[in-house]
Amino acid sequence: QLLKREEPALATSLEPLQQDVKRATHLIEHLMVLARLDPMSMTTSDELEMQSIAVDTLFTEVVASFNTEIAHKNMQIDYRMSELSVYGNHDLLGVALKNIIGNALKYSPNGSVIHLSAQLRDTQVALTIQDNGPGVAPEALARLTQRFYRVLGTKETGSGLGLSIVKKIVELHQGTLNLRSTPEVTGLEIEITLPKGQDKPQI
């Protein structure tokens, strides 16, 4: 970025280098997250700071972090406001949702819509993110949460770590992660079920 400012004539030549740096930075960030999560088990996860978090707050914060990408691709994120809350670690759940929604934005065509929803299921809350991308073949779907696994033939770059991080975070919250794609649904649908938080007080 500094070289681009000081030598505008080199901006085009420097673009591939800047993209490589971004990819390396993204990979390192994901590896650092995994390094922090790996020592944790279902028992040590009790040390996490847990609280009741409004689903609206989670979705609103995460979607706002992608405003530039959403505008650039002329996309929309459809979400109906919810009164539901989940019980978990605010920062880790934010990381999980950012990875899922970031992938949905990356693989969905320009002008499409990503659907977010929340549904109460007994003592659990199901958070669903569905995109309008090309979907994933059944034989590859089961491997999406494996570390460094990426579907062949995609033009998008990535580390193959995003969904493995999501899986680990969901496990630490004693939740479940379910993936569906063609022919069951259009695109890719990712559902996270988490413990239900406290209800919002009635006014």
Protein backbone atom coordinates (compact mmCIF):
# COMPACT_ATOMS: atom_id res chain seq x y z
CA GLN A 1 0.00 0.00 0.00
CA LEU A 2 2.87 2.36 0.80
CA LEU A 3 4.59 1.58 -2.49
CA LYS A 4 1.33 2.17 -4.36
CA ARG A 5 1.03 5.62 -2.80
CA GLU A 6 4.66 6.56 -3.43
CA GLU A 7 4.87 5.02 -6.91
CA PRO A 8 1.40 5.23 -8.54
CA ALA A 9 2.82 3.99 -11.84
CA LEU A 10 3.58 0.63 -10.19
CA ALA A 11 0.08 0.15 -8.78
CA THR A 12 -0.97 -2.45 -11.37
CA SER A 13 2.26 -4.42 -11.00
CA LEU A 14 1.99 -4.40 -7.20
CA GLU A 15 -1.61 -5.68 -7.12
CA PRO A 16 -0.69 -9.42 -7.31
CA LEU A 17 1.78 -8.94 -4.47
CA GLN A 18 -0.85 -7.24 -2.33
CA GLN A 19 -3.31 -10.05 -2.99
CA ASP A 20 -0.69 -12.64 -1.98
CA VAL A 21 -0.05 -10.75 1.25
CA LYS A 22 -3.79 -10.68 1.99
CA ARG A 23 -4.06 -14.44 1.42
CA ALA A 24 -1.06 -15.11 3.66
CA THR A 25 -2.45 -12.85 6.37
CA HIS A 26 -5.84 -14.58 6.16
CA LEU A 27 -4.20 -18.01 6.46
CA ILE A 28 -2.12 -16.94 9.48
CA GLU A 29 -5.19 -15.48 11.21
CA HIS A 30 -7.06 -18.77 10.76
CA LEU A 31 -4.12 -20.83 11.99
CA MET A 32 -3.87 -18.63 15.08
CA VAL A 33 -7.56 -19.14 15.83
CA LEU A 34 -7.14 -22.92 15.51
CA ALA A 35 -4.05 -22.83 17.72
CA ARG A 36 -6.10 -21.15 20.46
CA LEU A 37 -9.06 -23.51 20.06
CA ASP A 38 -7.20 -26.83 19.71
CA PRO A 39 -6.17 -27.22 23.38
CA MET A 40 -9.79 -26.75 24.39
CA SER A 41 -12.02 -29.74 25.08
CA MET A 42 -15.65 -30.00 26.07
CA THR A 43 -14.52 -29.65 29.71
CA THR A 44 -12.02 -26.81 29.33
CA SER A 45 -14.57 -24.87 27.29
CA ASP A 46 -16.19 -24.09 30.65
CA GLU A 47 -13.47 -21.45 31.01
CA LEU A 48 -14.94 -19.47 28.11
CA GLU A 49 -16.82 -16.31 28.97
CA MET A 50 -20.41 -17.28 28.18
CA GLN A 51 -23.45 -15.08 28.15
CA SER A 52 -26.90 -14.72 26.65
CA ILE A 53 -26.57 -13.03 23.25
CA ALA A 54 -29.42 -11.68 21.13
CA VAL A 55 -29.44 -13.31 17.70
CA ASP A 56 -30.25 -9.92 16.17
CA THR A 57 -27.07 -8.49 17.68
CA LEU A 58 -24.91 -11.29 16.30
CA PHE A 59 -26.33 -11.10 12.78
CA THR A 60 -26.32 -7.29 12.69
CA GLU A 61 -22.68 -7.03 13.78
CA VAL A 62 -21.46 -9.68 11.38
CA VAL A 63 -23.40 -8.38 8.38
CA ALA A 64 -22.15 -4.83 9.04
CA SER A 65 -18.55 -6.08 8.79
CA PHE A 66 -19.26 -7.10 5.17
CA ASN A 67 -20.96 -3.89 4.01
CA THR A 68 -18.22 -3.14 1.46
CA GLU A 69 -18.35 -6.63 -0.09
CA ILE A 70 -22.15 -6.60 -0.16
CA ALA A 71 -22.21 -3.26 -1.99
CA HIS A 72 -19.42 -4.29 -4.38
CA LYS A 73 -21.31 -7.42 -5.47
CA ASN A 74 -24.72 -5.69 -5.40
CA MET A 75 -26.01 -8.41 -3.08
CA GLN A 76 -28.60 -8.47 -0.34
CA ILE A 77 -28.82 -10.27 2.98
CA ASP A 78 -32.38 -11.15 3.91
CA TYR A 79 -33.07 -11.52 7.61
CA ARG A 80 -36.22 -11.21 9.68
CA MET A 81 -35.76 -9.73 13.15
CA SER A 82 -35.94 -12.26 15.95
CA GLU A 83 -36.62 -12.22 19.69
CA LEU A 84 -34.38 -15.25 20.23
CA SER A 85 -31.09 -15.38 22.11
CA VAL A 86 -28.30 -17.95 22.25
CA TYR A 87 -25.98 -18.82 25.11
CA GLY A 88 -22.33 -18.66 24.15
CA ASN A 89 -19.11 -16.73 23.73
CA HIS A 90 -19.76 -13.54 21.80
CA ASP A 91 -16.36 -13.32 20.09
CA LEU A 92 -16.17 -16.97 19.02
CA LEU A 93 -19.72 -17.02 17.66
CA GLY A 94 -18.87 -13.85 15.73
CA VAL A 95 -15.86 -15.61 14.18
CA ALA A 96 -18.00 -18.61 13.22
CA LEU A 97 -20.70 -16.51 11.56
CA LYS A 98 -18.14 -14.34 9.76
CA ASN A 99 -16.55 -17.43 8.25
CA ILE A 100 -19.90 -18.78 7.07
CA ILE A 101 -21.30 -15.49 5.71
CA GLY A 102 -17.92 -14.59 4.20
CA ASN A 103 -17.95 -17.85 2.23
CA ALA A 104 -21.56 -17.27 1.19
CA LEU A 105 -20.66 -13.85 -0.19
CA LYS A 106 -17.57 -15.20 -1.93
CA TYR A 107 -19.29 -18.05 -3.76
CA SER A 108 -22.66 -16.44 -4.55
CA PRO A 109 -23.13 -14.62 -7.86
CA ASN A 110 -23.45 -10.85 -8.05
CA GLY A 111 -26.94 -9.56 -7.36
CA SER A 112 -28.06 -12.62 -5.40
CA VAL A 113 -29.59 -12.87 -1.93
CA ILE A 114 -28.24 -14.64 1.16
CA HIS A 115 -30.91 -15.76 3.62
CA LEU A 116 -30.40 -15.73 7.40
CA SER A 117 -32.90 -17.16 9.84
CA ALA A 118 -33.27 -18.22 13.46
CA GLN A 119 -35.70 -20.83 14.79
CA LEU A 120 -36.43 -22.11 18.27
CA ARG A 121 -36.22 -25.88 18.75
CA ASP A 122 -36.97 -26.83 22.35
CA THR A 123 -33.89 -25.73 24.32
CA GLN A 124 -31.85 -25.01 21.17
CA VAL A 125 -31.79 -22.19 18.63
CA ALA A 126 -31.04 -23.06 15.00
CA LEU A 127 -29.20 -20.38 13.01
CA THR A 128 -29.39 -20.97 9.26
CA ILE A 129 -27.38 -19.32 6.49
CA GLN A 130 -28.30 -20.21 2.89
CA ASP A 131 -26.56 -18.84 -0.19
CA ASN A 132 -27.29 -18.94 -3.92
CA GLY A 133 -23.93 -20.27 -4.99
CA PRO A 134 -23.20 -23.33 -7.15
CA GLY A 135 -23.66 -25.71 -4.23
CA VAL A 136 -21.46 -28.64 -3.26
CA ALA A 137 -21.57 -32.20 -4.58
CA PRO A 138 -22.67 -34.84 -2.02
CA GLU A 139 -19.26 -36.55 -2.03
CA ALA A 140 -17.54 -33.26 -1.13
CA LEU A 141 -20.12 -32.01 1.37
CA ALA A 142 -19.02 -34.32 4.17
CA ARG A 143 -15.40 -33.14 3.79
CA LEU A 144 -16.04 -29.38 3.91
CA THR A 145 -15.24 -29.17 7.63
CA GLN A 146 -11.90 -30.97 7.26
CA ARG A 147 -8.85 -28.76 7.63
CA PHE A 148 -7.34 -27.47 4.38
CA TYR A 149 -9.98 -29.20 2.27
CA ARG A 150 -11.20 -27.13 -0.67
CA VAL A 151 -13.57 -28.16 -3.45
CA LEU A 152 -11.69 -28.54 -6.72
CA GLY A 153 -12.66 -26.38 -9.67
CA THR A 154 -13.50 -23.20 -7.75
CA LYS A 155 -11.84 -20.00 -8.89
CA GLU A 156 -12.01 -18.41 -5.45
CA THR A 157 -8.96 -18.51 -3.21
CA GLY A 158 -9.03 -19.64 0.40
CA SER A 159 -7.23 -21.55 3.12
CA GLY A 160 -9.71 -24.39 3.56
CA LEU A 161 -9.79 -23.67 7.30
CA GLY A 162 -12.93 -21.57 7.72
CA LEU A 163 -15.48 -24.32 8.24
CA SER A 164 -13.11 -26.41 10.38
CA ILE A 165 -12.93 -23.40 12.71
CA VAL A 166 -16.72 -23.14 12.67
CA LYS A 167 -17.00 -26.84 13.56
CA LYS A 168 -14.61 -26.46 16.50
CA ILE A 169 -16.44 -23.40 17.85
CA VAL A 170 -19.81 -25.15 17.60
CA GLU A 171 -18.41 -28.19 19.43
CA LEU A 172 -17.13 -25.96 22.24
CA HIS A 173 -20.68 -24.64 22.60
CA GLN A 174 -22.06 -28.20 22.69
CA GLY A 175 -24.03 -27.42 19.56
CA THR A 176 -24.38 -29.13 16.19
CA LEU A 177 -23.36 -28.19 12.65
CA ASN A 178 -25.35 -29.42 9.65
CA LEU A 179 -24.67 -28.78 5.96
CA ARG A 180 -27.07 -29.31 3.07
CA SER A 181 -26.69 -28.63 -0.62
CA THR A 182 -27.98 -29.73 -4.01
CA PRO A 183 -30.24 -31.49 -4.72
CA GLU A 184 -31.89 -30.89 -1.32
CA VAL A 185 -31.57 -27.10 -1.41
CA THR A 186 -30.33 -24.41 -3.76
CA GLY A 187 -26.73 -23.39 -3.11
CA LEU A 188 -25.30 -24.29 0.29
CA GLU A 189 -27.24 -24.22 3.55
CA ILE A 190 -25.37 -24.23 6.86
CA GLU A 191 -27.25 -24.68 10.11
CA ILE A 192 -25.80 -24.17 13.58
CA THR A 193 -27.80 -25.20 16.63
CA LEU A 194 -26.77 -23.59 19.92
CA PRO A 195 -28.10 -23.60 23.48
CA LYS A 196 -30.97 -21.17 23.95
CA GLY A 197 -30.23 -17.96 25.84
CA GLN A 198 -32.52 -16.01 28.12
CA ASP A 199 -35.60 -14.48 26.57
CA LYS A 200 -35.77 -10.73 26.11
CA PRO A 201 -37.72 -9.07 28.91
CA GLN A 202 -41.27 -8.16 28.10
CA ILE A 203 -41.98 -4.42 28.01
